[in-house]
C-alpha atoms as a PDB file:
ATOM      1  CA  MET A   1      38.984   2.477 -65.628  1.00  0.00           C
ATOM      2  CA  ILE A   2      38.597   5.997 -67.020  1.00  0.00           C
ATOM      3  CA  GLU A   3      39.623   7.521 -63.665  1.00  0.00           C
ATOM      4  CA  LEU A   4      43.118   6.075 -64.180  1.00  0.00           C
ATOM      5  CA  LEU A   5      43.433   8.135 -67.366  1.00  0.00           C
ATOM      6  CA  ASP A   6      42.583  11.331 -65.473  1.00  0.00           C
ATOM      7  CA  LYS A   7      46.240  11.500 -64.393  1.00  0.00           C
ATOM      8  CA  PHE A   8      47.221  12.286 -68.008  1.00  0.00           C
ATOM      9  CA  ASP A   9      46.605  15.484 -69.981  1.00  0.00           C
ATOM     10  CA  LYS A  10      45.715  13.693 -73.232  1.00  0.00           C
ATOM     11  CA  PHE A  11      45.491  10.117 -74.405  1.00  0.00           C
ATOM     12  CA  ILE A  12      44.717   8.049 -77.486  1.00  0.00           C
ATOM     13  CA  ALA A  13      43.553   4.447 -77.169  1.00  0.00           C
ATOM     14  CA  LYS A  14      43.359   2.127 -80.158  1.00  0.00           C
ATOM     15  CA  GLU A  15      42.334  -1.517 -79.888  1.00  0.00           C
ATOM     16  CA  SER A  16      42.809  -4.009 -82.703  1.00  0.00           C
ATOM     17  CA  GLU A  17      42.174  -7.714 -83.067  1.00  0.00           C
ATOM     18  CA  VAL A  18      44.233  -9.950 -85.302  1.00  0.00           C
ATOM     19  CA  THR A  19      43.756 -13.578 -86.275  1.00  0.00           C
ATOM     20  CA  SER A  20      47.126 -15.293 -86.685  1.00  0.00           C
ATOM     21  CA  LYS A  21      47.822 -18.634 -88.266  1.00  0.00           C
ATOM     22  CA  GLN A  22      50.821 -20.881 -88.072  1.00  0.00           C
ATOM     23  CA  VAL A  23      51.179 -22.828 -91.303  1.00  0.00           C
ATOM     24  CA  ARG A  24      53.264 -25.795 -92.331  1.00  0.00           C
ATOM     25  CA  PHE A  25      54.444 -26.607 -95.845  1.00  0.00           C
ATOM     26  CA  TYR A  26      54.793 -30.341 -96.253  1.00  0.00           C
ATOM     27  CA  ARG A  27      54.828 -32.452 -99.430  1.00  0.00           C
ATOM     28  CA  ASN A  28      53.588 -29.571-101.587  1.00  0.00           C
ATOM     29  CA  GLU A  29      50.630 -28.955 -99.283  1.00  0.00           C
ATOM     30  CA  ILE A  30      49.836 -26.100 -96.952  1.00  0.00           C
ATOM     31  CA  GLU A  31      48.389 -27.034 -93.578  1.00  0.00           C
ATOM     32  CA  ILE A  32      47.191 -24.711 -90.821  1.00  0.00           C
ATOM     33  CA  VAL A  33      48.814 -26.029 -87.665  1.00  0.00           C
ATOM     34  CA  LYS A  34      47.543 -23.454 -85.209  1.00  0.00           C
ATOM     35  CA  LYS A  35      45.117 -20.523 -85.311  1.00  0.00           C
ATOM     36  CA  TRP A  36      44.623 -17.900 -82.589  1.00  0.00           C
ATOM     37  CA  ASN A  37      43.114 -14.461 -82.008  1.00  0.00           C
ATOM     38  CA  GLU A  38      45.117 -11.715 -80.391  1.00  0.00           C
ATOM     39  CA  ARG A  39      43.914  -8.326 -79.156  1.00  0.00           C
ATOM     40  CA  VAL A  40      46.271  -5.399 -78.761  1.00  0.00           C
ATOM     41  CA  LEU A  41      45.519  -2.123 -76.986  1.00  0.00           C
ATOM     42  CA  GLU A  42      47.822   0.688 -78.074  1.00  0.00           C
ATOM     43  CA  LEU A  43      47.939   3.702 -75.745  1.00  0.00           C
ATOM     44  CA  THR A  44      49.599   7.040 -76.421  1.00  0.00           C
ATOM     45  CA  LEU A  45      49.724   9.130 -73.260  1.00  0.00           C
ATOM     46  CA  SER A  46      50.702  12.776 -72.758  1.00  0.00           C
ATOM     47  CA  LYS A  47      51.460  14.540 -69.478  1.00  0.00           C
ATOM     48  CA  ASN A  48      53.235  17.876 -68.935  1.00  0.00           C
ATOM     49  CA  GLY A  49      54.593  17.894 -72.514  1.00  0.00           C
ATOM     50  CA  LYS A  50      55.935  14.329 -72.230  1.00  0.00           C
ATOM     51  CA  VAL A  51      54.637  11.596 -74.537  1.00  0.00           C
ATOM     52  CA  MET A  52      54.724   7.827 -74.071  1.00  0.00           C
ATOM     53  CA  SER A  53      53.361   4.988 -76.225  1.00  0.00           C
ATOM     54  CA  ILE A  54      52.557   1.552 -74.825  1.00  0.00           C
ATOM     55  CA  SER A  55      51.074  -1.648 -76.265  1.00  0.00           C
ATOM     56  CA  ILE A  56      49.201  -4.184 -74.129  1.00  0.00           C
ATOM     57  CA  GLU A  57      48.598  -7.644 -75.582  1.00  0.00           C
ATOM     58  CA  ASN A  58      45.295  -9.321 -74.697  1.00  0.00           C
ATOM     59  CA  PRO A  59      44.296  -6.509 -72.310  1.00  0.00           C
ATOM     60  CA  ASN A  60      42.158  -7.005 -69.243  1.00  0.00           C
ATOM     61  CA  LYS A  61      41.335  -4.623 -66.380  1.00  0.00           C
ATOM     62  CA  ASN A  62      44.274  -5.764 -64.263  1.00  0.00           C
ATOM     63  CA  LYS A  63      46.842  -5.402 -67.083  1.00  0.00           C
ATOM     64  CA  ILE A  64      45.515  -1.980 -68.042  1.00  0.00           C
ATOM     65  CA  LYS A  65      45.559  -0.757 -64.433  1.00  0.00           C
ATOM     66  CA  ARG A  66      49.141  -1.966 -63.825  1.00  0.00           C
ATOM     67  CA  THR A  67      50.356  -0.502 -67.117  1.00  0.00           C
ATOM     68  CA  LEU A  68      48.791   2.907 -66.490  1.00  0.00           C
ATOM     69  CA  GLU A  69      50.246   3.039 -62.979  1.00  0.00           C
ATOM     70  CA  MET A  70      53.681   2.118 -64.351  1.00  0.00           C
ATOM     71  CA  ALA A  71      53.359   4.738 -67.109  1.00  0.00           C
ATOM     72  CA  ASN A  72      52.450   7.428 -64.589  1.00  0.00           C
ATOM     73  CA  ARG A  73      55.550   6.587 -62.502  1.00  0.00           C
ATOM     74  CA  THR A  74      57.807   6.458 -65.581  1.00  0.00           C
ATOM     75  CA  MET A  75      56.649   9.783 -67.045  1.00  0.00           C
ATOM     76  CA  ARG A  76      58.782  11.785 -64.597  1.00  0.00           C
ATOM     77  CA  TYR A  77      61.972  10.364 -66.156  1.00  0.00           C
ATOM     78  CA  LEU A  78      61.061  11.362 -69.720  1.00  0.00           C
ATOM     79  CA  SER A  79      62.104  14.577 -71.425  1.00  0.00           C
ATOM     80  CA  ALA A  80      59.487  16.945 -72.783  1.00  0.00           C
ATOM     81  CA  THR A  81      58.908  16.660 -76.517  1.00  0.00           C
ATOM     82  CA  PRO A  82      57.789  19.278 -79.053  1.00  0.00           C
ATOM     83  CA  LEU A  83      55.381  16.723 -80.551  1.00  0.00           C
ATOM     84  CA  GLU A  84      51.705  16.908 -79.682  1.00  0.00           C
ATOM     85  CA  ILE A  85      48.997  14.272 -79.791  1.00  0.00           C
ATOM     86  CA  GLY A  86      45.656  15.230 -81.291  1.00  0.00           C
ATOM     87  CA  VAL A  87      42.422  13.897 -82.686  1.00  0.00           C
ATOM     88  CA  ASP A  88      43.088  14.465 -86.408  1.00  0.00           C
ATOM     89  CA  GLU A  89      45.110  12.119 -88.562  1.00  0.00           C
ATOM     90  CA  ASN A  90      48.163  14.332 -88.024  1.00  0.00           C
ATOM     91  CA  TYR A  91      49.193  12.959 -84.673  1.00  0.00           C
ATOM     92  CA  ILE A  92      52.030  10.768 -83.484  1.00  0.00           C
END
């Protein structure tokens, strides 16, 4: 999977997992109707001074591969930006 990121100059990947609940208020009671876990992979990619951010819900290898290929094709249509991505807290 890492070889797909070699096409980009820099990248930041952040994965988070959230538990969501759907609740119902009925007769002064609170009832949990549905509960689910959701993973989100947030990617910030930089190539030739162009920056793109993408989120992938419930990522798997196939989704990540398709998204990175799409991002690589789309980058040529973006304008260069003066913003830079970095490793400190002062990044996009």
